[in-house]
Amino acid sequence: MYRQGDVLIVPVAEEAVPAHVARAPKERRDGRGRLVLALGEVTGHAHAVVGPGDLVREPGPFGPLLLHVPQGGRVVHEEHAAITLPRGWYRVIRQREYVPGSVRIVAD
């Protein structure tokens, strides 16, 4: 399990990846060629993966992301140390906070 700021990255066994993920639309890379896991609303900084791979957003308002890095990858951010991920599948979860009457994703 890996954490970078408000992003949690949890390994997922290949057999546990839902079947629909293979045909689900993939998230686009940003202008720098990165797969953005979370974009800082205040700073504009991003938790992003560099290297080959795919990112699939699961349905729902806080839909987790499924990340596949077939050759491994690096998670980078302007204010955090880079994290090296071994090849495989990961569930990417944004930290949430309770606000009376609702839940919201933590803003960077």
PDB file of N, CA and C in Angstrom:
ATOM      1  N   MET A   1       0.857  -1.157   0.000  1.00  0.00           N
ATOM      2  CA  MET A   1       0.000   0.000   0.000  1.00  0.00           C
ATOM      3  C   MET A   1       0.913   1.232   0.000  1.00  0.00           C
ATOM      4  N   TYR A   2       0.493   2.244  -0.736  1.00  0.00           N
ATOM      5  CA  TYR A   2       1.285   3.455  -0.879  1.00  0.00           C
ATOM      6  C   TYR A   2       0.392   4.669  -0.609  1.00  0.00           C
ATOM      7  N   ARG A   3       0.984   5.720  -0.050  1.00  0.00           N
ATOM      8  CA  ARG A   3       0.246   6.960   0.160  1.00  0.00           C
ATOM      9  C   ARG A   3       1.140   8.107  -0.267  1.00  0.00           C
ATOM     10  N   GLN A   4       0.529   9.033  -0.999  1.00  0.00           N
ATOM     11  CA  GLN A   4       1.210  10.268  -1.363  1.00  0.00           C
ATOM     12  C   GLN A   4       0.212  11.391  -1.113  1.00  0.00           C
ATOM     13  N   GLY A   5       0.432  12.136  -0.034  1.00  0.00           N
ATOM     14  CA  GLY A   5      -0.519  13.195   0.325  1.00  0.00           C
ATOM     15  C   GLY A   5      -1.896  12.614   0.576  1.00  0.00           C
ATOM     16  N   ASP A   6      -2.911  13.127  -0.146  1.00  0.00           N
ATOM     17  CA  ASP A   6      -4.289  12.680   0.055  1.00  0.00           C
ATOM     18  C   ASP A   6      -4.689  11.543  -0.883  1.00  0.00           C
ATOM     19  N   VAL A   7      -3.711  10.875  -1.498  1.00  0.00           N
ATOM     20  CA  VAL A   7      -3.973   9.774  -2.429  1.00  0.00           C
ATOM     21  C   VAL A   7      -3.442   8.472  -1.838  1.00  0.00           C
ATOM     22  N   LEU A   8      -4.307   7.462  -1.768  1.00  0.00           N
ATOM     23  CA  LEU A   8      -3.945   6.127  -1.309  1.00  0.00           C
ATOM     24  C   LEU A   8      -3.938   5.203  -2.517  1.00  0.00           C
ATOM     25  N   ILE A   9      -2.879   4.415  -2.668  1.00  0.00           N
ATOM     26  CA  ILE A   9      -2.729   3.512  -3.811  1.00  0.00           C
ATOM     27  C   ILE A   9      -2.575   2.097  -3.259  1.00  0.00           C
ATOM     28  N   VAL A  10      -3.579   1.256  -3.558  1.00  0.00           N
ATOM     29  CA  VAL A  10      -3.656  -0.083  -2.975  1.00  0.00           C
ATOM     30  C   VAL A  10      -3.502  -1.132  -4.078  1.00  0.00           C
ATOM     31  N   PRO A  11      -2.546  -2.059  -3.935  1.00  0.00           N
ATOM     32  CA  PRO A  11      -2.408  -3.118  -4.938  1.00  0.00           C
ATOM     33  C   PRO A  11      -3.678  -3.966  -5.027  1.00  0.00           C
ATOM     34  N   VAL A  12      -3.995  -4.406  -6.249  1.00  0.00           N
ATOM     35  CA  VAL A  12      -5.161  -5.256  -6.499  1.00  0.00           C
ATOM     36  C   VAL A  12      -4.675  -6.472  -7.295  1.00  0.00           C
ATOM     37  N   ALA A  13      -5.039  -7.658  -6.840  1.00  0.00           N
ATOM     38  CA  ALA A  13      -4.680  -8.872  -7.581  1.00  0.00           C
ATOM     39  C   ALA A  13      -5.376  -8.848  -8.932  1.00  0.00           C
ATOM     40  N   GLU A  14      -4.696  -9.295  -9.969  1.00  0.00           N
ATOM     41  CA  GLU A  14      -5.253  -9.249 -11.316  1.00  0.00           C
ATOM     42  C   GLU A  14      -6.598  -9.957 -11.414  1.00  0.00           C
ATOM     43  N   GLU A  15      -6.759 -11.060 -10.706  1.00  0.00           N
ATOM     44  CA  GLU A  15      -8.028 -11.792 -10.754  1.00  0.00           C
ATOM     45  C   GLU A  15      -9.157 -11.049 -10.039  1.00  0.00           C
ATOM     46  N   ALA A  16      -8.833 -10.036  -9.239  1.00  0.00           N
ATOM     47  CA  ALA A  16      -9.858  -9.250  -8.550  1.00  0.00           C
ATOM     48  C   ALA A  16     -10.292  -8.012  -9.339  1.00  0.00           C
ATOM     49  N   VAL A  17      -9.652  -7.736 -10.461  1.00  0.00           N
ATOM     50  CA  VAL A  17     -10.032  -6.587 -11.288  1.00  0.00           C
ATOM     51  C   VAL A  17     -11.357  -6.921 -11.976  1.00  0.00           C
ATOM     52  N   PRO A  18     -12.379  -6.059 -11.842  1.00  0.00           N
ATOM     53  CA  PRO A  18     -13.671  -6.343 -12.470  1.00  0.00           C
ATOM     54  C   PRO A  18     -13.543  -6.533 -13.981  1.00  0.00           C
ATOM     55  N   ALA A  19     -14.322  -7.461 -14.529  1.00  0.00           N
ATOM     56  CA  ALA A  19     -14.249  -7.793 -15.961  1.00  0.00           C
ATOM     57  C   ALA A  19     -14.544  -6.593 -16.857  1.00  0.00           C
ATOM     58  N   HIS A  20     -15.447  -5.695 -16.432  1.00  0.00           N
ATOM     59  CA  HIS A  20     -15.826  -4.562 -17.276  1.00  0.00           C
ATOM     60  C   HIS A  20     -14.682  -3.567 -17.492  1.00  0.00           C
ATOM     61  N   VAL A  21     -13.649  -3.630 -16.672  1.00  0.00           N
ATOM     62  CA  VAL A  21     -12.538  -2.679 -16.778  1.00  0.00           C
ATOM     63  C   VAL A  21     -11.816  -2.815 -18.127  1.00  0.00           C
ATOM     64  N   ALA A  22     -11.750  -4.019 -18.666  1.00  0.00           N
ATOM     65  CA  ALA A  22     -11.051  -4.230 -19.947  1.00  0.00           C
ATOM     66  C   ALA A  22     -11.665  -3.416 -21.082  1.00  0.00           C
ATOM     67  N   ARG A  23     -12.975  -3.180 -21.041  1.00  0.00           N
ATOM     68  CA  ARG A  23     -13.632  -2.439 -22.128  1.00  0.00           C
ATOM     69  C   ARG A  23     -14.104  -1.041 -21.694  1.00  0.00           C
ATOM     70  N   ALA A  24     -13.767  -0.650 -20.482  1.00  0.00           N
ATOM     71  CA  ALA A  24     -14.162   0.669 -19.981  1.00  0.00           C
ATOM     72  C   ALA A  24     -13.299   1.756 -20.621  1.00  0.00           C
ATOM     73  N   PRO A  25     -13.852   2.960 -20.776  1.00  0.00           N
ATOM     74  CA  PRO A  25     -13.054   4.056 -21.336  1.00  0.00           C
ATOM     75  C   PRO A  25     -11.888   4.402 -20.412  1.00  0.00           C
ATOM     76  N   LYS A  26     -10.773   4.688 -21.003  1.00  0.00           N
ATOM     77  CA  LYS A  26      -9.568   5.042 -20.255  1.00  0.00           C
ATOM     78  C   LYS A  26      -9.497   6.555 -20.079  1.00  0.00           C
ATOM     79  N   GLU A  27      -8.965   6.993 -18.952  1.00  0.00           N
ATOM     80  CA  GLU A  27      -8.737   8.410 -18.713  1.00  0.00           C
ATOM     81  C   GLU A  27      -7.626   8.885 -19.657  1.00  0.00           C
ATOM     82  N   ARG A  28      -7.756  10.116 -20.121  1.00  0.00           N
ATOM     83  CA  ARG A  28      -6.734  10.692 -21.004  1.00  0.00           C
ATOM     84  C   ARG A  28      -5.540  11.175 -20.191  1.00  0.00           C
ATOM     85  N   ARG A  29      -4.407  11.222 -20.850  1.00  0.00           N
ATOM     86  CA  ARG A  29      -3.211  11.789 -20.244  1.00  0.00           C
ATOM     87  C   ARG A  29      -3.266  13.304 -20.346  1.00  0.00           C
ATOM     88  N   ASP A  30      -2.579  13.972 -19.457  1.00  0.00           N
ATOM     89  CA  ASP A  30      -2.567  15.434 -19.506  1.00  0.00           C
ATOM     90  C   ASP A  30      -1.581  15.912 -20.575  1.00  0.00           C
ATOM     91  N   GLY A  31      -1.424  17.217 -20.700  1.00  0.00           N
ATOM     92  CA  GLY A  31      -0.549  17.790 -21.716  1.00  0.00           C
ATOM     93  C   GLY A  31       0.911  17.422 -21.559  1.00  0.00           C
ATOM     94  N   ARG A  32       1.280  16.912 -20.381  1.00  0.00           N
ATOM     95  CA  ARG A  32       2.661  16.492 -20.133  1.00  0.00           C
ATOM     96  C   ARG A  32       2.825  14.984 -20.274  1.00  0.00           C
ATOM     97  N   GLY A  33       1.748  14.302 -20.718  1.00  0.00           N
ATOM     98  CA  GLY A  33       1.821  12.851 -20.932  1.00  0.00           C
ATOM     99  C   GLY A  33       1.641  12.017 -19.680  1.00  0.00           C
ATOM    100  N   ARG A  34       1.123  12.617 -18.610  1.00  0.00           N
ATOM    101  CA  ARG A  34       0.957  11.914 -17.338  1.00  0.00           C
ATOM    102  C   ARG A  34      -0.475  11.442 -17.154  1.00  0.00           C
ATOM    103  N   LEU A  35      -0.643  10.386 -16.374  1.00  0.00           N
ATOM    104  CA  LEU A  35      -1.967   9.941 -15.931  1.00  0.00           C
ATOM    105  C   LEU A  35      -2.225  10.626 -14.591  1.00  0.00           C
ATOM    106  N   VAL A  36      -3.140  11.565 -14.551  1.00  0.00           N
ATOM    107  CA  VAL A  36      -3.378  12.353 -13.344  1.00  0.00           C
ATOM    108  C   VAL A  36      -4.331  11.606 -12.412  1.00  0.00           C
ATOM    109  N   LEU A  37      -3.844  11.300 -11.207  1.00  0.00           N
ATOM    110  CA  LEU A  37      -4.647  10.617 -10.196  1.00  0.00           C
ATOM    111  C   LEU A  37      -5.479  11.611  -9.399  1.00  0.00           C
ATOM    112  N   ALA A  38      -4.913  12.784  -9.140  1.00  0.00           N
ATOM    113  CA  ALA A  38      -5.607  13.835  -8.393  1.00  0.00           C
ATOM    114  C   ALA A  38      -4.951  15.163  -8.738  1.00  0.00           C
ATOM    115  N   LEU A  39      -5.793  16.154  -9.003  1.00  0.00           N
ATOM    116  CA  LEU A  39      -5.311  17.486  -9.346  1.00  0.00           C
ATOM    117  C   LEU A  39      -5.628  18.428  -8.197  1.00  0.00           C
ATOM    118  N   GLY A  40      -4.631  19.162  -7.733  1.00  0.00           N
ATOM    119  CA  GLY A  40      -4.830  20.114  -6.645  1.00  0.00           C
ATOM    120  C   GLY A  40      -5.655  21.295  -7.116  1.00  0.00           C
ATOM    121  N   GLU A  41      -6.830  21.468  -6.500  1.00  0.00           N
ATOM    122  CA  GLU A  41      -7.724  22.554  -6.899  1.00  0.00           C
ATOM    123  C   GLU A  41      -7.137  23.917  -6.558  1.00  0.00           C
ATOM    124  N   VAL A  42      -6.351  23.989  -5.494  1.00  0.00           N
ATOM    125  CA  VAL A  42      -5.799  25.260  -5.037  1.00  0.00           C
ATOM    126  C   VAL A  42      -4.446  25.535  -5.693  1.00  0.00           C
ATOM    127  N   THR A  43      -3.557  24.532  -5.687  1.00  0.00           N
ATOM    128  CA  THR A  43      -2.187  24.739  -6.160  1.00  0.00           C
ATOM    129  C   THR A  43      -1.990  24.442  -7.639  1.00  0.00           C
ATOM    130  N   GLY A  44      -2.853  23.600  -8.209  1.00  0.00           N
ATOM    131  CA  GLY A  44      -2.661  23.170  -9.589  1.00  0.00           C
ATOM    132  C   GLY A  44      -1.649  22.046  -9.717  1.00  0.00           C
ATOM    133  N   HIS A  45      -1.055  21.629  -8.590  1.00  0.00           N
ATOM    134  CA  HIS A  45      -0.129  20.499  -8.611  1.00  0.00           C
ATOM    135  C   HIS A  45      -0.918  19.210  -8.805  1.00  0.00           C
ATOM    136  N   ALA A  46      -0.238  18.167  -9.271  1.00  0.00           N
ATOM    137  CA  ALA A  46      -0.947  16.920  -9.554  1.00  0.00           C
ATOM    138  C   ALA A  46      -0.202  15.715  -9.003  1.00  0.00           C
ATOM    139  N   HIS A  47      -0.963  14.760  -8.480  1.00  0.00           N
ATOM    140  CA  HIS A  47      -0.447  13.425  -8.200  1.00  0.00           C
ATOM    141  C   HIS A  47      -0.629  12.700  -9.524  1.00  0.00           C
ATOM    142  N   ALA A  48       0.458  12.268 -10.143  1.00  0.00           N
ATOM    143  CA  ALA A  48       0.372  11.727 -11.499  1.00  0.00           C
ATOM    144  C   ALA A  48       1.342  10.574 -11.682  1.00  0.00           C
ATOM    145  N   VAL A  49       0.985   9.683 -12.610  1.00  0.00           N
ATOM    146  CA  VAL A  49       1.831   8.544 -12.942  1.00  0.00           C
ATOM    147  C   VAL A  49       2.523   8.824 -14.268  1.00  0.00           C
ATOM    148  N   VAL A  50       3.833   8.623 -14.265  1.00  0.00           N
ATOM    149  CA  VAL A  50       4.592   8.730 -15.504  1.00  0.00           C
ATOM    150  C   VAL A  50       4.997   7.314 -15.914  1.00  0.00           C
ATOM    151  N   GLY A  51       4.990   7.076 -17.193  1.00  0.00           N
ATOM    152  CA  GLY A  51       5.309   5.751 -17.710  1.00  0.00           C
ATOM    153  C   GLY A  51       4.088   5.114 -18.335  1.00  0.00           C
ATOM    154  N   PRO A  52       4.276   3.963 -18.970  1.00  0.00           N
ATOM    155  CA  PRO A  52       3.153   3.284 -19.633  1.00  0.00           C
ATOM    156  C   PRO A  52       2.105   2.839 -18.624  1.00  0.00           C
ATOM    157  N   GLY A  53       0.859   2.839 -19.069  1.00  0.00           N
ATOM    158  CA  GLY A  53      -0.216   2.368 -18.208  1.00  0.00           C
ATOM    159  C   GLY A  53      -1.555   2.926 -18.619  1.00  0.00           C
ATOM    160  N   ASP A  54      -2.583   2.497 -17.898  1.00  0.00           N
ATOM    161  CA  ASP A  54      -3.959   2.940 -18.134  1.00  0.00           C
ATOM    162  C   ASP A  54      -4.607   3.277 -16.809  1.00  0.00           C
ATOM    163  N   LEU A  55      -5.575   4.188 -16.891  1.00  0.00           N
ATOM    164  CA  LEU A  55      -6.326   4.611 -15.728  1.00  0.00           C
ATOM    165  C   LEU A  55      -7.800   4.555 -16.087  1.00  0.00           C
ATOM    166  N   VAL A  56      -8.595   3.856 -15.273  1.00  0.00           N
ATOM    167  CA  VAL A  56     -10.031   3.702 -15.508  1.00  0.00           C
ATOM    168  C   VAL A  56     -10.770   4.235 -14.289  1.00  0.00           C
ATOM    169  N   ARG A  57     -11.749   5.107 -14.516  1.00  0.00           N
ATOM    170  CA  ARG A  57     -12.557   5.656 -13.420  1.00  0.00           C
ATOM    171  C   ARG A  57     -13.792   4.786 -13.233  1.00  0.00           C
ATOM    172  N   GLU A  58     -14.016   4.343 -12.008  1.00  0.00           N
ATOM    173  CA  GLU A  58     -15.199   3.572 -11.679  1.00  0.00           C
ATOM    174  C   GLU A  58     -16.379   4.531 -11.514  1.00  0.00           C
ATOM    175  N   PRO A  59     -17.611   4.078 -11.771  1.00  0.00           N
ATOM    176  CA  PRO A  59     -18.777   4.953 -11.636  1.00  0.00           C
ATOM    177  C   PRO A  59     -18.999   5.407 -10.201  1.00  0.00           C
ATOM    178  N   GLY A  60     -19.691   6.527 -10.050  1.00  0.00           N
ATOM    179  CA  GLY A  60     -20.050   7.041  -8.735  1.00  0.00           C
ATOM    180  C   GLY A  60     -19.401   8.382  -8.472  1.00  0.00           C
ATOM    181  N   PRO A  61     -19.965   9.140  -7.526  1.00  0.00           N
ATOM    182  CA  PRO A  61     -19.456  10.485  -7.268  1.00  0.00           C
ATOM    183  C   PRO A  61     -18.020  10.502  -6.758  1.00  0.00           C
ATOM    184  N   PHE A  62     -17.636   9.474  -6.017  1.00  0.00           N
ATOM    185  CA  PHE A  62     -16.261   9.377  -5.532  1.00  0.00           C
ATOM    186  C   PHE A  62     -15.576   8.179  -6.180  1.00  0.00           C
ATOM    187  N   GLY A  63     -16.026   7.818  -7.369  1.00  0.00           N
ATOM    188  CA  GLY A  63     -15.549   6.619  -8.050  1.00  0.00           C
ATOM    189  C   GLY A  63     -14.051   6.453  -7.950  1.00  0.00           C
ATOM    190  N   PRO A  64     -13.615   5.348  -7.366  1.00  0.00           N
ATOM    191  CA  PRO A  64     -12.175   5.136  -7.307  1.00  0.00           C
ATOM    192  C   PRO A  64     -11.627   4.921  -8.707  1.00  0.00           C
ATOM    193  N   LEU A  65     -10.351   5.069  -8.814  1.00  0.00           N
ATOM    194  CA  LEU A  65      -9.666   4.846 -10.082  1.00  0.00           C
ATOM    195  C   LEU A  65      -8.974   3.495 -10.016  1.00  0.00           C
ATOM    196  N   LEU A  66      -8.939   2.811 -11.137  1.00  0.00           N
ATOM    197  CA  LEU A  66      -8.151   1.594 -11.257  1.00  0.00           C
ATOM    198  C   LEU A  66      -6.981   1.913 -12.177  1.00  0.00           C
ATOM    199  N   LEU A  67      -5.791   1.671 -11.694  1.00  0.00           N
ATOM    200  CA  LEU A  67      -4.558   1.978 -12.414  1.00  0.00           C
ATOM    201  C   LEU A  67      -3.867   0.683 -12.799  1.00  0.00           C
ATOM    202  N   HIS A  68      -3.460   0.585 -14.055  1.00  0.00           N
ATOM    203  CA  HIS A  68      -2.684  -0.565 -14.507  1.00  0.00           C
ATOM    204  C   HIS A  68      -1.348  -0.062 -15.029  1.00  0.00           C
ATOM    205  N   VAL A  69      -0.264  -0.523 -14.417  1.00  0.00           N
ATOM    206  CA  VAL A  69       1.079  -0.173 -14.877  1.00  0.00           C
ATOM    207  C   VAL A  69       1.798  -1.476 -15.239  1.00  0.00           C
ATOM    208  N   PRO A  70       1.722  -1.868 -16.526  1.00  0.00           N
ATOM    209  CA  PRO A  70       2.243  -3.168 -16.937  1.00  0.00           C
ATOM    210  C   PRO A  70       3.756  -3.302 -16.811  1.00  0.00           C
ATOM    211  N   GLN A  71       4.463  -2.180 -16.765  1.00  0.00           N
ATOM    212  CA  GLN A  71       5.924  -2.224 -16.635  1.00  0.00           C
ATOM    213  C   GLN A  71       6.378  -1.517 -15.361  1.00  0.00           C
ATOM    214  N   GLY A  72       5.446  -1.232 -14.488  1.00  0.00           N
ATOM    215  CA  GLY A  72       5.755  -0.428 -13.314  1.00  0.00           C
ATOM    216  C   GLY A  72       5.630   1.040 -13.673  1.00  0.00           C
ATOM    217  N   GLY A  73       5.727   1.899 -12.702  1.00  0.00           N
ATOM    218  CA  GLY A  73       5.607   3.328 -12.959  1.00  0.00           C
ATOM    219  C   GLY A  73       6.038   4.129 -11.752  1.00  0.00           C
ATOM    220  N   ARG A  74       6.013   5.437 -11.919  1.00  0.00           N
ATOM    221  CA  ARG A  74       6.365   6.343 -10.825  1.00  0.00           C
ATOM    222  C   ARG A  74       5.226   7.324 -10.605  1.00  0.00           C
ATOM    223  N   VAL A  75       4.883   7.514  -9.331  1.00  0.00           N
ATOM    224  CA  VAL A  75       3.881   8.516  -8.963  1.00  0.00           C
ATOM    225  C   VAL A  75       4.664   9.756  -8.543  1.00  0.00           C
ATOM    226  N   VAL A  76       4.379  10.864  -9.207  1.00  0.00           N
ATOM    227  CA  VAL A  76       5.111  12.099  -8.938  1.00  0.00           C
ATOM    228  C   VAL A  76       4.157  13.197  -8.475  1.00  0.00           C
ATOM    229  N   HIS A  77       4.711  14.148  -7.761  1.00  0.00           N
ATOM    230  CA  HIS A  77       3.976  15.334  -7.298  1.00  0.00           C
ATOM    231  C   HIS A  77       5.019  16.394  -6.996  1.00  0.00           C
ATOM    232  N   GLU A  78       4.688  17.630  -7.242  1.00  0.00           N
ATOM    233  CA  GLU A  78       5.624  18.722  -7.071  1.00  0.00           C
ATOM    234  C   GLU A  78       6.091  18.911  -5.629  1.00  0.00           C
ATOM    235  N   GLU A  79       5.301  18.466  -4.643  1.00  0.00           N
ATOM    236  CA  GLU A  79       5.636  18.704  -3.242  1.00  0.00           C
ATOM    237  C   GLU A  79       5.886  17.429  -2.443  1.00  0.00           C
ATOM    238  N   HIS A  80       5.936  16.268  -3.108  1.00  0.00           N
ATOM    239  CA  HIS A  80       6.149  15.000  -2.415  1.00  0.00           C
ATOM    240  C   HIS A  80       7.256  14.220  -3.111  1.00  0.00           C
ATOM    241  N   ALA A  81       7.869  13.311  -2.379  1.00  0.00           N
ATOM    242  CA  ALA A  81       8.855  12.417  -2.980  1.00  0.00           C
ATOM    243  C   ALA A  81       8.134  11.473  -3.946  1.00  0.00           C
ATOM    244  N   ALA A  82       8.807  11.113  -5.018  1.00  0.00           N
ATOM    245  CA  ALA A  82       8.231  10.176  -5.997  1.00  0.00           C
ATOM    246  C   ALA A  82       8.109   8.792  -5.364  1.00  0.00           C
ATOM    247  N   ILE A  83       7.116   8.039  -5.828  1.00  0.00           N
ATOM    248  CA  ILE A  83       6.900   6.660  -5.385  1.00  0.00           C
ATOM    249  C   ILE A  83       7.052   5.754  -6.600  1.00  0.00           C
ATOM    250  N   THR A  84       7.837   4.705  -6.464  1.00  0.00           N
ATOM    251  CA  THR A  84       7.986   3.726  -7.534  1.00  0.00           C
ATOM    252  C   THR A  84       6.991   2.599  -7.300  1.00  0.00           C
ATOM    253  N   LEU A  85       6.165   2.322  -8.321  1.00  0.00           N
ATOM    254  CA  LEU A  85       5.181   1.241  -8.241  1.00  0.00           C
ATOM    255  C   LEU A  85       5.667   0.048  -9.050  1.00  0.00           C
ATOM    256  N   PRO A  86       5.644  -1.139  -8.464  1.00  0.00           N
ATOM    257  CA  PRO A  86       5.913  -2.340  -9.251  1.00  0.00           C
ATOM    258  C   PRO A  86       4.792  -2.550 -10.270  1.00  0.00           C
ATOM    259  N   ARG A  87       5.058  -3.306 -11.307  1.00  0.00           N
ATOM    260  CA  ARG A  87       4.015  -3.563 -12.310  1.00  0.00           C
ATOM    261  C   ARG A  87       2.820  -4.219 -11.642  1.00  0.00           C
ATOM    262  N   GLY A  88       1.636  -3.932 -12.214  1.00  0.00           N
ATOM    263  CA  GLY A  88       0.424  -4.534 -11.680  1.00  0.00           C
ATOM    264  C   GLY A  88      -0.757  -3.591 -11.705  1.00  0.00           C
ATOM    265  N   TRP A  89      -1.795  -3.978 -10.955  1.00  0.00           N
ATOM    266  CA  TRP A  89      -3.047  -3.220 -10.845  1.00  0.00           C
ATOM    267  C   TRP A  89      -3.128  -2.575  -9.475  1.00  0.00           C
ATOM    268  N   TYR A  90      -3.750  -1.385  -9.441  1.00  0.00           N
ATOM    269  CA  TYR A  90      -3.906  -0.643  -8.195  1.00  0.00           C
ATOM    270  C   TYR A  90      -5.259   0.058  -8.160  1.00  0.00           C
ATOM    271  N   ARG A  91      -5.819   0.185  -6.968  1.00  0.00           N
ATOM    272  CA  ARG A  91      -7.007   1.006  -6.755  1.00  0.00           C
ATOM    273  C   ARG A  91      -6.497   2.312  -6.146  1.00  0.00           C
ATOM    274  N   VAL A  92      -6.914   3.422  -6.736  1.00  0.00           N
ATOM    275  CA  VAL A  92      -6.488   4.746  -6.278  1.00  0.00           C
ATOM    276  C   VAL A  92      -7.666   5.389  -5.566  1.00  0.00           C
ATOM    277  N   ILE A  93      -7.464   5.759  -4.318  1.00  0.00           N
ATOM    278  CA  ILE A  93      -8.542   6.294  -3.492  1.00  0.00           C
ATOM    279  C   ILE A  93      -8.141   7.670  -2.974  1.00  0.00           C
ATOM    280  N   ARG A  94      -9.000   8.652  -3.178  1.00  0.00           N
ATOM    281  CA  ARG A  94      -8.774   9.999  -2.638  1.00  0.00           C
ATOM    282  C   ARG A  94      -9.254  10.038  -1.195  1.00  0.00           C
ATOM    283  N   GLN A  95      -8.487  10.672  -0.349  1.00  0.00           N
ATOM    284  CA  GLN A  95      -8.896  10.848   1.036  1.00  0.00           C
ATOM    285  C   GLN A  95     -10.132  11.720   1.083  1.00  0.00           C
ATOM    286  N   ARG A  96     -11.059  11.367   1.963  1.00  0.00           N
ATOM    287  CA  ARG A  96     -12.297  12.137   2.134  1.00  0.00           C
ATOM    288  C   ARG A  96     -12.365  12.657   3.548  1.00  0.00           C
ATOM    289  N   GLU A  97     -13.134  13.696   3.739  1.00  0.00           N
ATOM    290  CA  GLU A  97     -13.342  14.195   5.084  1.00  0.00           C
ATOM    291  C   GLU A  97     -14.824  14.401   5.327  1.00  0.00           C
ATOM    292  N   TYR A  98     -15.201  14.207   6.579  1.00  0.00           N
ATOM    293  CA  TYR A  98     -16.598  14.379   6.950  1.00  0.00           C
ATOM    294  C   TYR A  98     -16.869  15.852   7.181  1.00  0.00           C
ATOM    295  N   VAL A  99     -17.918  16.327   6.568  1.00  0.00           N
ATOM    296  CA  VAL A  99     -18.438  17.665   6.796  1.00  0.00           C
ATOM    297  C   VAL A  99     -19.873  17.425   7.249  1.00  0.00           C
ATOM    298  N   PRO A 100     -20.289  17.998   8.368  1.00  0.00           N
ATOM    299  CA  PRO A 100     -21.643  17.677   8.849  1.00  0.00           C
ATOM    300  C   PRO A 100     -22.680  17.678   7.736  1.00  0.00           C
ATOM    301  N   GLY A 101     -23.313  16.516   7.578  1.00  0.00           N
ATOM    302  CA  GLY A 101     -24.350  16.366   6.578  1.00  0.00           C
ATOM    303  C   GLY A 101     -23.867  15.853   5.230  1.00  0.00           C
ATOM    304  N   SER A 102     -22.539  15.715   5.055  1.00  0.00           N
ATOM    305  CA  SER A 102     -22.029  15.218   3.780  1.00  0.00           C
ATOM    306  C   SER A 102     -20.599  14.725   3.932  1.00  0.00           C
ATOM    307  N   VAL A 103     -20.046  14.290   2.815  1.00  0.00           N
ATOM    308  CA  VAL A 103     -18.653  13.858   2.738  1.00  0.00           C
ATOM    309  C   VAL A 103     -18.058  14.563   1.535  1.00  0.00           C
ATOM    310  N   ARG A 104     -16.813  15.014   1.641  1.00  0.00           N
ATOM    311  CA  ARG A 104     -16.182  15.650   0.488  1.00  0.00           C
ATOM    312  C   ARG A 104     -14.756  15.156   0.357  1.00  0.00           C
ATOM    313  N   ILE A 105     -14.246  15.234  -0.862  1.00  0.00           N
ATOM    314  CA  ILE A 105     -12.874  14.872  -1.144  1.00  0.00           C
ATOM    315  C   ILE A 105     -11.972  15.985  -0.624  1.00  0.00           C
ATOM    316  N   VAL A 106     -10.875  15.609   0.000  1.00  0.00           N
ATOM    317  CA  VAL A 106      -9.940  16.590   0.544  1.00  0.00           C
ATOM    318  C   VAL A 106      -9.340  17.388  -0.605  1.00  0.00           C
ATOM    319  N   ALA A 107      -9.316  18.702  -0.456  1.00  0.00           N
ATOM    320  CA  ALA A 107      -8.740  19.584  -1.483  1.00  0.00           C
ATOM    321  C   ALA A 107      -7.280  19.830  -1.154  1.00  0.00           C
ATOM    322  N   ASP A 108      -6.462  19.858  -2.188  1.00  0.00           N
ATOM    323  CA  ASP A 108      -5.029  20.091  -2.053  1.00  0.00           C
ATOM    324  C   ASP A 108      -4.773  21.552  -1.784  1.00  0.00           C
TER     325      ASP A 108
END
